[in-house]
C-alpha atoms as a PDB file:
ATOM      1  CA  MET A   1      -6.066 -17.820 -12.899  1.00  0.00           C
ATOM      2  CA  ALA A   2      -4.151 -15.665 -10.285  1.00  0.00           C
ATOM      3  CA  SER A   3      -4.809 -16.555  -6.644  1.00  0.00           C
ATOM      4  CA  CYS A   4      -5.935 -13.654  -4.102  1.00  0.00           C
ATOM      5  CA  GLU A   5      -2.409 -13.474  -2.913  1.00  0.00           C
ATOM      6  CA  ASP A   6      -0.627 -12.733  -6.086  1.00  0.00           C
ATOM      7  CA  LYS A   7      -3.383 -10.147  -7.106  1.00  0.00           C
ATOM      8  CA  LYS A   8      -2.584  -8.383  -3.760  1.00  0.00           C
ATOM      9  CA  CYS A   9       1.265  -8.629  -4.323  1.00  0.00           C
ATOM     10  CA  GLN A  10       0.565  -6.780  -7.690  1.00  0.00           C
ATOM     11  CA  ALA A  11      -1.769  -4.281  -6.230  1.00  0.00           C
ATOM     12  CA  ALA A  12       0.810  -3.494  -3.520  1.00  0.00           C
ATOM     13  CA  ALA A  13       3.627  -3.387  -5.995  1.00  0.00           C
ATOM     14  CA  MET A  14       1.176  -0.989  -8.408  1.00  0.00           C
ATOM     15  CA  ALA A  15       0.406   1.175  -5.532  1.00  0.00           C
ATOM     16  CA  GLU A  16       4.174   1.308  -3.990  1.00  0.00           C
ATOM     17  CA  ALA A  17       5.686   2.128  -7.874  1.00  0.00           C
ATOM     18  CA  SER A  18       3.123   4.985  -8.321  1.00  0.00           C
ATOM     19  CA  ALA A  19       3.925   6.300  -4.763  1.00  0.00           C
ATOM     20  CA  GLU A  20       7.558   6.432  -5.499  1.00  0.00           C
ATOM     21  CA  GLN A  21       7.722   7.216  -9.350  1.00  0.00           C
ATOM     22  CA  HIS A  22       5.830   8.770 -12.168  1.00  0.00           C
ATOM     23  CA  THR A  23       6.674   9.147 -15.941  1.00  0.00           C
ATOM     24  CA  CYS A  24       6.736  12.399 -17.892  1.00  0.00           C
ATOM     25  CA  SER A  25       7.947  12.801 -21.714  1.00  0.00           C
ATOM     26  CA  GLY A  26       9.443   9.551 -21.635  1.00  0.00           C
ATOM     27  CA  CYS A  27      11.567  10.347 -18.518  1.00  0.00           C
ATOM     28  CA  VAL A  28      11.180   8.758 -15.235  1.00  0.00           C
ATOM     29  CA  LYS A  29      11.354  10.823 -11.789  1.00  0.00           C
ATOM     30  CA  HIS A  30      11.604   9.346  -8.342  1.00  0.00           C
ATOM     31  CA  LYS A  31      10.489  10.841  -5.361  1.00  0.00           C
ATOM     32  CA  TYR A  32      12.486   9.750  -2.459  1.00  0.00           C
ATOM     33  CA  ARG A  33      10.263  10.249   0.570  1.00  0.00           C
ATOM     34  CA  ASP A  34      11.320  10.365   4.247  1.00  0.00           C
ATOM     35  CA  LYS A  35      10.372   7.064   5.639  1.00  0.00           C
ATOM     36  CA  ASP A  36      10.271   8.623   9.086  1.00  0.00           C
ATOM     37  CA  SER A  37       7.892  11.300   8.092  1.00  0.00           C
ATOM     38  CA  LYS A  38       4.319  11.430   9.586  1.00  0.00           C
ATOM     39  CA  GLU A  39       3.186  11.512   5.964  1.00  0.00           C
ATOM     40  CA  TYR A  40       4.930   8.267   4.883  1.00  0.00           C
ATOM     41  CA  LYS A  41       3.452   6.346   7.855  1.00  0.00           C
ATOM     42  CA  CYS A  42       0.118   7.527   7.328  1.00  0.00           C
ATOM     43  CA  LEU A  43       0.281   6.068   3.517  1.00  0.00           C
ATOM     44  CA  VAL A  44       1.841   2.903   4.446  1.00  0.00           C
ATOM     45  CA  SER A  45      -0.861   2.440   7.273  1.00  0.00           C
ATOM     46  CA  ARG A  46      -3.698   2.974   4.921  1.00  0.00           C
ATOM     47  CA  LEU A  47      -2.152   0.722   2.420  1.00  0.00           C
ATOM     48  CA  ARG A  48      -1.855  -2.137   4.878  1.00  0.00           C
ATOM     49  CA  ARG A  49      -5.279  -1.491   6.089  1.00  0.00           C
ATOM     50  CA  ILE A  50      -6.727  -1.973   2.430  1.00  0.00           C
ATOM     51  CA  GLU A  51      -4.481  -4.985   2.280  1.00  0.00           C
ATOM     52  CA  GLY A  52      -6.222  -6.539   4.909  1.00  0.00           C
ATOM     53  CA  GLN A  53      -9.771  -5.520   3.540  1.00  0.00           C
ATOM     54  CA  VAL A  54      -8.591  -7.114   0.555  1.00  0.00           C
ATOM     55  CA  ARG A  55      -7.468 -10.356   2.421  1.00  0.00           C
ATOM     56  CA  GLY A  56     -10.742 -10.228   3.811  1.00  0.00           C
ATOM     57  CA  VAL A  57     -12.967 -10.169   0.571  1.00  0.00           C
ATOM     58  CA  CYS A  58     -10.724 -13.070  -0.770  1.00  0.00           C
ATOM     59  CA  LYS A  59     -11.728 -15.228   2.392  1.00  0.00           C
ATOM     60  CA  MET A  60     -15.134 -13.938   1.840  1.00  0.00           C
ATOM     61  CA  VAL A  61     -15.235 -15.386  -1.631  1.00  0.00           C
ATOM     62  CA  GLU A  62     -13.260 -18.853  -0.565  1.00  0.00           C
ATOM     63  CA  ASP A  63     -16.127 -19.321   2.391  1.00  0.00           C
ATOM     64  CA  ASP A  64     -19.002 -18.577  -0.340  1.00  0.00           C
ATOM     65  CA  ARG A  65     -20.297 -15.846   1.455  1.00  0.00           C
ATOM     66  CA  TYR A  66     -23.265 -13.877   0.567  1.00  0.00           C
ATOM     67  CA  CYS A  67     -22.607 -11.607  -2.804  1.00  0.00           C
ATOM     68  CA  VAL A  68     -24.305  -8.455  -1.305  1.00  0.00           C
ATOM     69  CA  ASP A  69     -21.847  -8.834   1.874  1.00  0.00           C
ATOM     70  CA  ILE A  70     -18.764  -9.113  -0.532  1.00  0.00           C
ATOM     71  CA  LEU A  71     -19.700  -6.193  -2.532  1.00  0.00           C
ATOM     72  CA  THR A  72     -20.467  -4.098   0.411  1.00  0.00           C
ATOM     73  CA  GLN A  73     -16.776  -4.750   1.471  1.00  0.00           C
ATOM     74  CA  VAL A  74     -15.512  -4.152  -2.071  1.00  0.00           C
ATOM     75  CA  SER A  75     -17.207  -0.673  -2.130  1.00  0.00           C
ATOM     76  CA  ALA A  76     -15.318  -0.267   1.237  1.00  0.00           C
ATOM     77  CA  ILE A  77     -12.254  -1.136  -0.262  1.00  0.00           C
ATOM     78  CA  GLN A  78     -12.746   1.392  -3.308  1.00  0.00           C
ATOM     79  CA  SER A  79     -13.512   4.103  -0.766  1.00  0.00           C
ATOM     80  CA  ALA A  80     -10.272   3.422   1.106  1.00  0.00           C
ATOM     81  CA  LEU A  81      -8.269   3.654  -2.042  1.00  0.00           C
ATOM     82  CA  ASN A  82      -9.832   6.684  -2.997  1.00  0.00           C
ATOM     83  CA  ALA A  83      -9.113   8.374   0.003  1.00  0.00           C
ATOM     84  CA  PHE A  84      -5.363   6.785  -0.355  1.00  0.00           C
ATOM     85  CA  ASN A  85      -5.099   8.495  -3.711  1.00  0.00           C
ATOM     86  CA  LYS A  86      -6.646  11.877  -2.597  1.00  0.00           C
ATOM     87  CA  GLU A  87      -3.865  12.146   0.284  1.00  0.00           C
ATOM     88  CA  LEU A  88      -0.982  11.047  -1.881  1.00  0.00           C
ATOM     89  CA  LEU A  89      -2.401  13.350  -4.809  1.00  0.00           C
ATOM     90  CA  ALA A  90      -2.614  16.321  -2.194  1.00  0.00           C
ATOM     91  CA  GLN A  91       1.109  15.301  -1.040  1.00  0.00           C
ATOM     92  CA  HIS A  92       2.116  15.345  -4.728  1.00  0.00           C
ATOM     93  CA  ILE A  93       0.885  18.674  -5.347  1.00  0.00           C
ATOM     94  CA  LYS A  94       2.017  20.408  -2.087  1.00  0.00           C
ATOM     95  CA  SER A  95       5.938  19.072  -2.810  1.00  0.00           C
ATOM     96  CA  CYS A  96       6.711  17.606  -6.108  1.00  0.00           C
ATOM     97  CA  VAL A  97       4.477  19.936  -8.240  1.00  0.00           C
ATOM     98  CA  VAL A  98       5.268  23.181  -6.479  1.00  0.00           C
ATOM     99  CA  ASP A  99       8.924  22.498  -6.340  1.00  0.00           C
ATOM    100  CA  ASP A 100       9.031  21.907 -10.026  1.00  0.00           C
ATOM    101  CA  ILE A 101       6.752  24.975 -11.119  1.00  0.00           C
ATOM    102  CA  ARG A 102       9.385  27.067  -8.694  1.00  0.00           C
ATOM    103  CA  ALA A 103      12.053  25.585 -10.530  1.00  0.00           C
ATOM    104  CA  GLY A 104      10.892  26.710 -13.711  1.00  0.00           C
ATOM    105  CA  HIS A 105       9.517  23.306 -15.155  1.00  0.00           C
ATOM    106  CA  ASP A 106       6.089  24.338 -16.271  1.00  0.00           C
ATOM    107  CA  GLU A 107       5.473  21.005 -17.932  1.00  0.00           C
ATOM    108  CA  VAL A 108       4.712  19.270 -14.662  1.00  0.00           C
ATOM    109  CA  VAL A 109       1.464  20.938 -15.057  1.00  0.00           C
ATOM    110  CA  ASP A 110       0.528  18.876 -18.131  1.00  0.00           C
ATOM    111  CA  GLU A 111       1.708  15.979 -16.275  1.00  0.00           C
ATOM    112  CA  LEU A 112      -0.713  16.603 -13.104  1.00  0.00           C
ATOM    113  CA  VAL A 113      -3.449  17.075 -15.743  1.00  0.00           C
ATOM    114  CA  ALA A 114      -2.690  13.857 -17.142  1.00  0.00           C
ATOM    115  CA  THR A 115      -2.357  12.276 -13.849  1.00  0.00           C
ATOM    116  CA  LEU A 116      -5.730  13.676 -12.822  1.00  0.00           C
ATOM    117  CA  GLN A 117      -7.368  12.136 -15.725  1.00  0.00           C
ATOM    118  CA  LYS A 118      -5.806   8.908 -15.195  1.00  0.00           C
ATOM    119  CA  VAL A 119      -7.078   8.964 -11.432  1.00  0.00           C
ATOM    120  CA  MET A 120     -10.585  10.453 -12.104  1.00  0.00           C
ATOM    121  CA  LYS A 121     -11.633   7.775 -14.452  1.00  0.00           C
END
């Protein structure tokens, strides 16, 4: 069974990968972010807070804490991840999607719909 640290690393890698690239019609697009921008720093800060929350839940499980308390913290993590997704999606629409539509790449709308379906599971 994977340790909490392994799961945290996997989650962080998945979040980073989804923030940096997305696929469409068999191609891979890369979005290079300005790492000095306020938006980038905000996203990274959110992920680091979430990472801390996940570590806290792992410690709670290891310390055999009351299940309801753990579930409450997991719910807070889910809420934080949802807020991160909303922010990243808004940035994606305002930049990548708008730029692609203006460049005549209307297939980006289908990709956005597919992305929304994944996010809204």
